[in-house]
Amino acid sequence: MIEIKKKSKPIGGLKEGDSFFINGKEMKVDKQFLLQDHGDMKEMVVEIFNPENDREYQVRYFDDQIESSIEIYELQGEIQYVIREPKDVAW
């Protein structure tokens, strides 16, 4: 499970230009959107990127269980996302 070290606001409030940290490394939020509506919960995606090397990531979570559902994926190639297991995140 990924440790959430610090929250500057609710994750649902992140928007373009906000900072997101993976293992202490600062990334920038590109956008946030609804991936799938499951009725009583929503599966959300926050797209982020590392401005130093242009690597792209997705932070995926369910809005009703953020602490236990947050996952990080890294874009490999043009369309494939691969799950990563960082120790901690913050925003």
PDB file of N, CA and C in Angstrom:
ATOM      1  N   MET A   1       0.837  -1.180   0.000  1.00  0.00           N
ATOM      2  CA  MET A   1       0.000   0.000   0.000  1.00  0.00           C
ATOM      3  C   MET A   1       0.883   1.246   0.000  1.00  0.00           C
ATOM      4  N   ILE A   2       0.471   2.228  -0.746  1.00  0.00           N
ATOM      5  CA  ILE A   2       1.206   3.490  -0.854  1.00  0.00           C
ATOM      6  C   ILE A   2       0.852   4.392   0.325  1.00  0.00           C
ATOM      7  N   GLU A   3       1.852   4.922   0.981  1.00  0.00           N
ATOM      8  CA  GLU A   3       1.627   5.860   2.082  1.00  0.00           C
ATOM      9  C   GLU A   3       1.345   7.249   1.522  1.00  0.00           C
ATOM     10  N   ILE A   4       0.290   7.871   2.026  1.00  0.00           N
ATOM     11  CA  ILE A   4      -0.005   9.256   1.656  1.00  0.00           C
ATOM     12  C   ILE A   4       0.593  10.127   2.747  1.00  0.00           C
ATOM     13  N   LYS A   5       1.670  10.858   2.399  1.00  0.00           N
ATOM     14  CA  LYS A   5       2.413  11.635   3.396  1.00  0.00           C
ATOM     15  C   LYS A   5       1.736  12.950   3.758  1.00  0.00           C
ATOM     16  N   LYS A   6       1.218  13.653   2.767  1.00  0.00           N
ATOM     17  CA  LYS A   6       0.655  14.977   3.025  1.00  0.00           C
ATOM     18  C   LYS A   6      -0.398  15.284   1.970  1.00  0.00           C
ATOM     19  N   LYS A   7      -1.465  15.955   2.399  1.00  0.00           N
ATOM     20  CA  LYS A   7      -2.513  16.379   1.472  1.00  0.00           C
ATOM     21  C   LYS A   7      -2.723  17.880   1.655  1.00  0.00           C
ATOM     22  N   SER A   8      -2.481  18.656   0.615  1.00  0.00           N
ATOM     23  CA  SER A   8      -2.687  20.096   0.703  1.00  0.00           C
ATOM     24  C   SER A   8      -4.152  20.468   0.490  1.00  0.00           C
ATOM     25  N   LYS A   9      -4.907  19.546  -0.116  1.00  0.00           N
ATOM     26  CA  LYS A   9      -6.337  19.706  -0.370  1.00  0.00           C
ATOM     27  C   LYS A   9      -6.880  18.331  -0.726  1.00  0.00           C
ATOM     28  N   PRO A  10      -8.182  18.163  -0.813  1.00  0.00           N
ATOM     29  CA  PRO A  10      -8.716  16.870  -1.247  1.00  0.00           C
ATOM     30  C   PRO A  10      -8.199  16.533  -2.650  1.00  0.00           C
ATOM     31  N   ILE A  11      -7.881  15.267  -2.890  1.00  0.00           N
ATOM     32  CA  ILE A  11      -7.323  14.870  -4.187  1.00  0.00           C
ATOM     33  C   ILE A  11      -8.264  15.235  -5.330  1.00  0.00           C
ATOM     34  N   GLY A  12      -9.552  15.200  -5.090  1.00  0.00           N
ATOM     35  CA  GLY A  12     -10.525  15.573  -6.116  1.00  0.00           C
ATOM     36  C   GLY A  12     -10.429  17.031  -6.532  1.00  0.00           C
ATOM     37  N   GLY A  13      -9.754  17.843  -5.736  1.00  0.00           N
ATOM     38  CA  GLY A  13      -9.593  19.266  -6.037  1.00  0.00           C
ATOM     39  C   GLY A  13      -8.327  19.597  -6.813  1.00  0.00           C
ATOM     40  N   LEU A  14      -7.505  18.588  -7.120  1.00  0.00           N
ATOM     41  CA  LEU A  14      -6.275  18.853  -7.886  1.00  0.00           C
ATOM     42  C   LEU A  14      -6.622  19.283  -9.299  1.00  0.00           C
ATOM     43  N   LYS A  15      -5.881  20.285  -9.785  1.00  0.00           N
ATOM     44  CA  LYS A  15      -6.124  20.782 -11.136  1.00  0.00           C
ATOM     45  C   LYS A  15      -4.801  21.082 -11.827  1.00  0.00           C
ATOM     46  N   GLU A  16      -4.883  21.433 -13.077  1.00  0.00           N
ATOM     47  CA  GLU A  16      -3.689  21.687 -13.893  1.00  0.00           C
ATOM     48  C   GLU A  16      -2.730  22.656 -13.205  1.00  0.00           C
ATOM     49  N   GLY A  17      -1.447  22.250 -13.153  1.00  0.00           N
ATOM     50  CA  GLY A  17      -0.406  23.083 -12.561  1.00  0.00           C
ATOM     51  C   GLY A  17      -0.121  22.798 -11.103  1.00  0.00           C
ATOM     52  N   ASP A  18      -1.032  22.074 -10.419  1.00  0.00           N
ATOM     53  CA  ASP A  18      -0.786  21.725  -9.016  1.00  0.00           C
ATOM     54  C   ASP A  18       0.383  20.744  -8.920  1.00  0.00           C
ATOM     55  N   SER A  19       1.007  20.704  -7.766  1.00  0.00           N
ATOM     56  CA  SER A  19       2.122  19.779  -7.540  1.00  0.00           C
ATOM     57  C   SER A  19       1.624  18.463  -6.971  1.00  0.00           C
ATOM     58  N   PHE A  20       2.279  17.388  -7.391  1.00  0.00           N
ATOM     59  CA  PHE A  20       2.025  16.040  -6.885  1.00  0.00           C
ATOM     60  C   PHE A  20       3.395  15.404  -6.711  1.00  0.00           C
ATOM     61  N   PHE A  21       3.644  14.780  -5.570  1.00  0.00           N
ATOM     62  CA  PHE A  21       4.954  14.227  -5.267  1.00  0.00           C
ATOM     63  C   PHE A  21       4.899  12.703  -5.205  1.00  0.00           C
ATOM     64  N   ILE A  22       5.840  12.056  -5.895  1.00  0.00           N
ATOM     65  CA  ILE A  22       6.004  10.609  -5.833  1.00  0.00           C
ATOM     66  C   ILE A  22       7.391  10.346  -5.269  1.00  0.00           C
ATOM     67  N   ASN A  23       7.448   9.686  -4.110  1.00  0.00           N
ATOM     68  CA  ASN A  23       8.729   9.441  -3.411  1.00  0.00           C
ATOM     69  C   ASN A  23       9.534  10.732  -3.257  1.00  0.00           C
ATOM     70  N   GLY A  24       8.844  11.829  -2.986  1.00  0.00           N
ATOM     71  CA  GLY A  24       9.495  13.115  -2.768  1.00  0.00           C
ATOM     72  C   GLY A  24       9.828  13.896  -4.030  1.00  0.00           C
ATOM     73  N   LYS A  25       9.647  13.301  -5.197  1.00  0.00           N
ATOM     74  CA  LYS A  25       9.969  13.946  -6.479  1.00  0.00           C
ATOM     75  C   LYS A  25       8.744  14.715  -6.969  1.00  0.00           C
ATOM     76  N   GLU A  26       8.925  16.003  -7.243  1.00  0.00           N
ATOM     77  CA  GLU A  26       7.802  16.843  -7.651  1.00  0.00           C
ATOM     78  C   GLU A  26       7.399  16.602  -9.109  1.00  0.00           C
ATOM     79  N   MET A  27       6.120  16.384  -9.291  1.00  0.00           N
ATOM     80  CA  MET A  27       5.504  16.262 -10.608  1.00  0.00           C
ATOM     81  C   MET A  27       4.469  17.378 -10.723  1.00  0.00           C
ATOM     82  N   LYS A  28       3.926  17.551 -11.907  1.00  0.00           N
ATOM     83  CA  LYS A  28       2.891  18.556 -12.134  1.00  0.00           C
ATOM     84  C   LYS A  28       1.621  17.887 -12.647  1.00  0.00           C
ATOM     85  N   VAL A  29       0.489  18.357 -12.142  1.00  0.00           N
ATOM     86  CA  VAL A  29      -0.803  17.841 -12.588  1.00  0.00           C
ATOM     87  C   VAL A  29      -1.118  18.425 -13.955  1.00  0.00           C
ATOM     88  N   ASP A  30      -1.524  17.552 -14.856  1.00  0.00           N
ATOM     89  CA  ASP A  30      -1.961  17.973 -16.189  1.00  0.00           C
ATOM     90  C   ASP A  30      -3.480  18.125 -16.207  1.00  0.00           C
ATOM     91  N   LYS A  31      -4.200  17.085 -15.791  1.00  0.00           N
ATOM     92  CA  LYS A  31      -5.658  17.156 -15.717  1.00  0.00           C
ATOM     93  C   LYS A  31      -6.178  16.020 -14.864  1.00  0.00           C
ATOM     94  N   GLN A  32      -7.450  16.125 -14.505  1.00  0.00           N
ATOM     95  CA  GLN A  32      -8.125  15.089 -13.742  1.00  0.00           C
ATOM     96  C   GLN A  32      -9.457  14.800 -14.424  1.00  0.00           C
ATOM     97  N   PHE A  33      -9.824  13.525 -14.475  1.00  0.00           N
ATOM     98  CA  PHE A  33     -11.088  13.194 -15.124  1.00  0.00           C
ATOM     99  C   PHE A  33     -11.683  11.912 -14.549  1.00  0.00           C
ATOM    100  N   LEU A  34     -12.965  11.722 -14.834  1.00  0.00           N
ATOM    101  CA  LEU A  34     -13.696  10.531 -14.440  1.00  0.00           C
ATOM    102  C   LEU A  34     -13.375   9.422 -15.426  1.00  0.00           C
ATOM    103  N   LEU A  35     -12.866   8.292 -14.933  1.00  0.00           N
ATOM    104  CA  LEU A  35     -12.579   7.147 -15.785  1.00  0.00           C
ATOM    105  C   LEU A  35     -13.836   6.296 -15.944  1.00  0.00           C
ATOM    106  N   GLN A  36     -14.503   6.018 -14.818  1.00  0.00           N
ATOM    107  CA  GLN A  36     -15.716   5.213 -14.880  1.00  0.00           C
ATOM    108  C   GLN A  36     -16.593   5.499 -13.666  1.00  0.00           C
ATOM    109  N   ASP A  37     -17.894   5.636 -13.920  1.00  0.00           N
ATOM    110  CA  ASP A  37     -18.863   5.852 -12.848  1.00  0.00           C
ATOM    111  C   ASP A  37     -19.486   4.504 -12.509  1.00  0.00           C
ATOM    112  N   HIS A  38     -19.262   4.047 -11.276  1.00  0.00           N
ATOM    113  CA  HIS A  38     -19.783   2.759 -10.821  1.00  0.00           C
ATOM    114  C   HIS A  38     -21.052   2.937  -9.999  1.00  0.00           C
ATOM    115  N   GLY A  39     -21.722   4.054 -10.139  1.00  0.00           N
ATOM    116  CA  GLY A  39     -22.946   4.319  -9.386  1.00  0.00           C
ATOM    117  C   GLY A  39     -22.658   4.924  -8.040  1.00  0.00           C
ATOM    118  N   ASP A  40     -22.329   4.093  -7.045  1.00  0.00           N
ATOM    119  CA  ASP A  40     -22.069   4.599  -5.697  1.00  0.00           C
ATOM    120  C   ASP A  40     -20.631   5.054  -5.495  1.00  0.00           C
ATOM    121  N   MET A  41     -19.773   4.828  -6.503  1.00  0.00           N
ATOM    122  CA  MET A  41     -18.393   5.319  -6.433  1.00  0.00           C
ATOM    123  C   MET A  41     -17.905   5.667  -7.831  1.00  0.00           C
ATOM    124  N   LYS A  42     -16.915   6.522  -7.881  1.00  0.00           N
ATOM    125  CA  LYS A  42     -16.343   6.942  -9.155  1.00  0.00           C
ATOM    126  C   LYS A  42     -14.871   6.570  -9.202  1.00  0.00           C
ATOM    127  N   GLU A  43     -14.447   6.040 -10.329  1.00  0.00           N
ATOM    128  CA  GLU A  43     -13.038   5.728 -10.552  1.00  0.00           C
ATOM    129  C   GLU A  43     -12.428   6.935 -11.258  1.00  0.00           C
ATOM    130  N   MET A  44     -11.464   7.574 -10.614  1.00  0.00           N
ATOM    131  CA  MET A  44     -10.898   8.829 -11.091  1.00  0.00           C
ATOM    132  C   MET A  44      -9.452   8.651 -11.543  1.00  0.00           C
ATOM    133  N   VAL A  45      -9.018   9.549 -12.436  1.00  0.00           N
ATOM    134  CA  VAL A  45      -7.637   9.562 -12.919  1.00  0.00           C
ATOM    135  C   VAL A  45      -7.102  10.986 -12.838  1.00  0.00           C
ATOM    136  N   VAL A  46      -5.911  11.117 -12.272  1.00  0.00           N
ATOM    137  CA  VAL A  46      -5.171  12.380 -12.293  1.00  0.00           C
ATOM    138  C   VAL A  46      -3.963  12.135 -13.178  1.00  0.00           C
ATOM    139  N   GLU A  47      -3.866  12.848 -14.285  1.00  0.00           N
ATOM    140  CA  GLU A  47      -2.696  12.719 -15.155  1.00  0.00           C
ATOM    141  C   GLU A  47      -1.645  13.714 -14.687  1.00  0.00           C
ATOM    142  N   ILE A  48      -0.426  13.200 -14.480  1.00  0.00           N
ATOM    143  CA  ILE A  48       0.678  14.037 -14.020  1.00  0.00           C
ATOM    144  C   ILE A  48       1.896  13.777 -14.903  1.00  0.00           C
ATOM    145  N   PHE A  49       2.856  14.691 -14.839  1.00  0.00           N
ATOM    146  CA  PHE A  49       4.084  14.511 -15.610  1.00  0.00           C
ATOM    147  C   PHE A  49       5.264  15.064 -14.833  1.00  0.00           C
ATOM    148  N   ASN A  50       6.433  14.531 -15.148  1.00  0.00           N
ATOM    149  CA  ASN A  50       7.677  15.007 -14.566  1.00  0.00           C
ATOM    150  C   ASN A  50       8.241  16.051 -15.521  1.00  0.00           C
ATOM    151  N   PRO A  51       8.274  17.322 -15.142  1.00  0.00           N
ATOM    152  CA  PRO A  51       8.748  18.370 -16.059  1.00  0.00           C
ATOM    153  C   PRO A  51      10.233  18.259 -16.416  1.00  0.00           C
ATOM    154  N   GLU A  52      11.010  17.508 -15.628  1.00  0.00           N
ATOM    155  CA  GLU A  52      12.443  17.363 -15.911  1.00  0.00           C
ATOM    156  C   GLU A  52      12.717  16.403 -17.060  1.00  0.00           C
ATOM    157  N   ASN A  53      11.896  15.356 -17.184  1.00  0.00           N
ATOM    158  CA  ASN A  53      12.163  14.360 -18.231  1.00  0.00           C
ATOM    159  C   ASN A  53      10.938  14.032 -19.089  1.00  0.00           C
ATOM    160  N   ASP A  54       9.838  14.735 -18.878  1.00  0.00           N
ATOM    161  CA  ASP A  54       8.589  14.564 -19.631  1.00  0.00           C
ATOM    162  C   ASP A  54       7.962  13.180 -19.502  1.00  0.00           C
ATOM    163  N   ARG A  55       8.307  12.413 -18.489  1.00  0.00           N
ATOM    164  CA  ARG A  55       7.620  11.139 -18.270  1.00  0.00           C
ATOM    165  C   ARG A  55       6.210  11.421 -17.771  1.00  0.00           C
ATOM    166  N   GLU A  56       5.274  10.589 -18.220  1.00  0.00           N
ATOM    167  CA  GLU A  56       3.873  10.783 -17.871  1.00  0.00           C
ATOM    168  C   GLU A  56       3.388   9.657 -16.968  1.00  0.00           C
ATOM    169  N   TYR A  57       2.499  10.019 -16.049  1.00  0.00           N
ATOM    170  CA  TYR A  57       1.965   9.074 -15.073  1.00  0.00           C
ATOM    171  C   TYR A  57       0.466   9.286 -14.929  1.00  0.00           C
ATOM    172  N   GLN A  58      -0.201   8.271 -14.401  1.00  0.00           N
ATOM    173  CA  GLN A  58      -1.592   8.395 -14.006  1.00  0.00           C
ATOM    174  C   GLN A  58      -1.701   7.973 -12.548  1.00  0.00           C
ATOM    175  N   VAL A  59      -2.437   8.762 -11.789  1.00  0.00           N
ATOM    176  CA  VAL A  59      -2.790   8.419 -10.421  1.00  0.00           C
ATOM    177  C   VAL A  59      -4.254   7.997 -10.497  1.00  0.00           C
ATOM    178  N   ARG A  60      -4.530   6.759 -10.164  1.00  0.00           N
ATOM    179  CA  ARG A  60      -5.906   6.252 -10.231  1.00  0.00           C
ATOM    180  C   ARG A  60      -6.392   5.967  -8.816  1.00  0.00           C
ATOM    181  N   TYR A  61      -7.675   6.285  -8.572  1.00  0.00           N
ATOM    182  CA  TYR A  61      -8.250   6.053  -7.251  1.00  0.00           C
ATOM    183  C   TYR A  61      -9.765   5.995  -7.345  1.00  0.00           C
ATOM    184  N   PHE A  62     -10.380   5.381  -6.341  1.00  0.00           N
ATOM    185  CA  PHE A  62     -11.829   5.395  -6.192  1.00  0.00           C
ATOM    186  C   PHE A  62     -12.167   6.484  -5.187  1.00  0.00           C
ATOM    187  N   ASP A  63     -13.119   7.337  -5.536  1.00  0.00           N
ATOM    188  CA  ASP A  63     -13.393   8.509  -4.704  1.00  0.00           C
ATOM    189  C   ASP A  63     -13.931   8.182  -3.315  1.00  0.00           C
ATOM    190  N   ASP A  64     -14.427   6.974  -3.092  1.00  0.00           N
ATOM    191  CA  ASP A  64     -14.955   6.619  -1.775  1.00  0.00           C
ATOM    192  C   ASP A  64     -13.944   5.866  -0.904  1.00  0.00           C
ATOM    193  N   GLN A  65     -12.776   5.551  -1.458  1.00  0.00           N
ATOM    194  CA  GLN A  65     -11.757   4.814  -0.696  1.00  0.00           C
ATOM    195  C   GLN A  65     -10.346   5.191  -1.171  1.00  0.00           C
ATOM    196  N   ILE A  66     -10.061   6.460  -1.126  1.00  0.00           N
ATOM    197  CA  ILE A  66      -8.813   6.993  -1.659  1.00  0.00           C
ATOM    198  C   ILE A  66      -7.592   6.341  -1.007  1.00  0.00           C
ATOM    199  N   GLU A  67      -7.567   6.295   0.314  1.00  0.00           N
ATOM    200  CA  GLU A  67      -6.393   5.794   1.033  1.00  0.00           C
ATOM    201  C   GLU A  67      -6.002   4.374   0.615  1.00  0.00           C
ATOM    202  N   SER A  68      -6.975   3.507   0.393  1.00  0.00           N
ATOM    203  CA  SER A  68      -6.680   2.105   0.097  1.00  0.00           C
ATOM    204  C   SER A  68      -6.680   1.782  -1.397  1.00  0.00           C
ATOM    205  N   SER A  69      -7.115   2.714  -2.242  1.00  0.00           N
ATOM    206  CA  SER A  69      -7.233   2.379  -3.668  1.00  0.00           C
ATOM    207  C   SER A  69      -6.245   3.112  -4.576  1.00  0.00           C
ATOM    208  N   ILE A  70      -5.499   4.060  -4.058  1.00  0.00           N
ATOM    209  CA  ILE A  70      -4.616   4.864  -4.909  1.00  0.00           C
ATOM    210  C   ILE A  70      -3.523   3.994  -5.548  1.00  0.00           C
ATOM    211  N   GLU A  71      -3.367   4.145  -6.866  1.00  0.00           N
ATOM    212  CA  GLU A  71      -2.354   3.417  -7.623  1.00  0.00           C
ATOM    213  C   GLU A  71      -1.674   4.379  -8.590  1.00  0.00           C
ATOM    214  N   ILE A  72      -0.414   4.113  -8.895  1.00  0.00           N
ATOM    215  CA  ILE A  72       0.371   4.943  -9.802  1.00  0.00           C
ATOM    216  C   ILE A  72       0.761   4.100 -11.018  1.00  0.00           C
ATOM    217  N   TYR A  73       0.534   4.662 -12.204  1.00  0.00           N
ATOM    218  CA  TYR A  73       0.901   4.005 -13.458  1.00  0.00           C
ATOM    219  C   TYR A  73       1.816   4.931 -14.252  1.00  0.00           C
ATOM    220  N   GLU A  74       2.812   4.349 -14.915  1.00  0.00           N
ATOM    221  CA  GLU A  74       3.723   5.122 -15.757  1.00  0.00           C
ATOM    222  C   GLU A  74       3.470   4.763 -17.215  1.00  0.00           C
ATOM    223  N   LEU A  75       3.432   5.773 -18.076  1.00  0.00           N
ATOM    224  CA  LEU A  75       3.250   5.552 -19.507  1.00  0.00           C
ATOM    225  C   LEU A  75       4.525   4.974 -20.098  1.00  0.00           C
ATOM    226  N   GLN A  76       4.404   3.835 -20.753  1.00  0.00           N
ATOM    227  CA  GLN A  76       5.511   3.180 -21.444  1.00  0.00           C
ATOM    228  C   GLN A  76       5.152   3.136 -22.925  1.00  0.00           C
ATOM    229  N   GLY A  77       5.992   3.668 -23.768  1.00  0.00           N
ATOM    230  CA  GLY A  77       5.658   3.730 -25.188  1.00  0.00           C
ATOM    231  C   GLY A  77       4.601   4.792 -25.422  1.00  0.00           C
ATOM    232  N   GLU A  78       3.686   4.527 -26.328  1.00  0.00           N
ATOM    233  CA  GLU A  78       2.683   5.533 -26.668  1.00  0.00           C
ATOM    234  C   GLU A  78       1.339   5.334 -25.995  1.00  0.00           C
ATOM    235  N   ILE A  79       0.983   4.074 -25.655  1.00  0.00           N
ATOM    236  CA  ILE A  79      -0.360   3.852 -25.120  1.00  0.00           C
ATOM    237  C   ILE A  79      -0.436   2.912 -23.920  1.00  0.00           C
ATOM    238  N   GLN A  80       0.640   2.310 -23.512  1.00  0.00           N
ATOM    239  CA  GLN A  80       0.593   1.315 -22.438  1.00  0.00           C
ATOM    240  C   GLN A  80       1.028   1.927 -21.101  1.00  0.00           C
ATOM    241  N   TYR A  81       0.164   1.774 -20.093  1.00  0.00           N
ATOM    242  CA  TYR A  81       0.502   2.204 -18.737  1.00  0.00           C
ATOM    243  C   TYR A  81       0.890   0.989 -17.903  1.00  0.00           C
ATOM    244  N   VAL A  82       1.994   1.098 -17.162  1.00  0.00           N
ATOM    245  CA  VAL A  82       2.514   0.021 -16.328  1.00  0.00           C
ATOM    246  C   VAL A  82       2.432   0.473 -14.870  1.00  0.00           C
ATOM    247  N   ILE A  83       1.909  -0.402 -14.020  1.00  0.00           N
ATOM    248  CA  ILE A  83       1.769  -0.038 -12.610  1.00  0.00           C
ATOM    249  C   ILE A  83       3.139   0.092 -11.950  1.00  0.00           C
ATOM    250  N   ARG A  84       3.275   1.088 -11.099  1.00  0.00           N
ATOM    251  CA  ARG A  84       4.473   1.328 -10.305  1.00  0.00           C
ATOM    252  C   ARG A  84       4.089   1.229  -8.838  1.00  0.00           C
ATOM    253  N   GLU A  85       5.054   0.964  -7.991  1.00  0.00           N
ATOM    254  CA  GLU A  85       4.779   0.815  -6.568  1.00  0.00           C
ATOM    255  C   GLU A  85       5.670   1.740  -5.742  1.00  0.00           C
ATOM    256  N   PRO A  86       5.402   3.038  -5.792  1.00  0.00           N
ATOM    257  CA  PRO A  86       6.208   3.946  -4.986  1.00  0.00           C
ATOM    258  C   PRO A  86       5.901   3.756  -3.496  1.00  0.00           C
ATOM    259  N   LYS A  87       6.807   4.233  -2.662  1.00  0.00           N
ATOM    260  CA  LYS A  87       6.619   4.126  -1.219  1.00  0.00           C
ATOM    261  C   LYS A  87       5.604   5.153  -0.720  1.00  0.00           C
ATOM    262  N   ASP A  88       5.658   6.366  -1.286  1.00  0.00           N
ATOM    263  CA  ASP A  88       4.760   7.393  -0.781  1.00  0.00           C
ATOM    264  C   ASP A  88       4.412   8.424  -1.855  1.00  0.00           C
ATOM    265  N   VAL A  89       3.317   9.104  -1.605  1.00  0.00           N
ATOM    266  CA  VAL A  89       2.867  10.205  -2.461  1.00  0.00           C
ATOM    267  C   VAL A  89       2.408  11.350  -1.563  1.00  0.00           C
ATOM    268  N   ALA A  90       2.330  12.526  -2.149  1.00  0.00           N
ATOM    269  CA  ALA A  90       1.852  13.713  -1.438  1.00  0.00           C
ATOM    270  C   ALA A  90       1.341  14.700  -2.472  1.00  0.00           C
ATOM    271  N   TRP A  91       0.505  15.610  -2.017  1.00  0.00           N
ATOM    272  CA  TRP A  91       0.019  16.687  -2.890  1.00  0.00           C
ATOM    273  C   TRP A  91      -0.395  17.866  -2.060  1.00  0.00           C
TER     274      TRP A  91
END
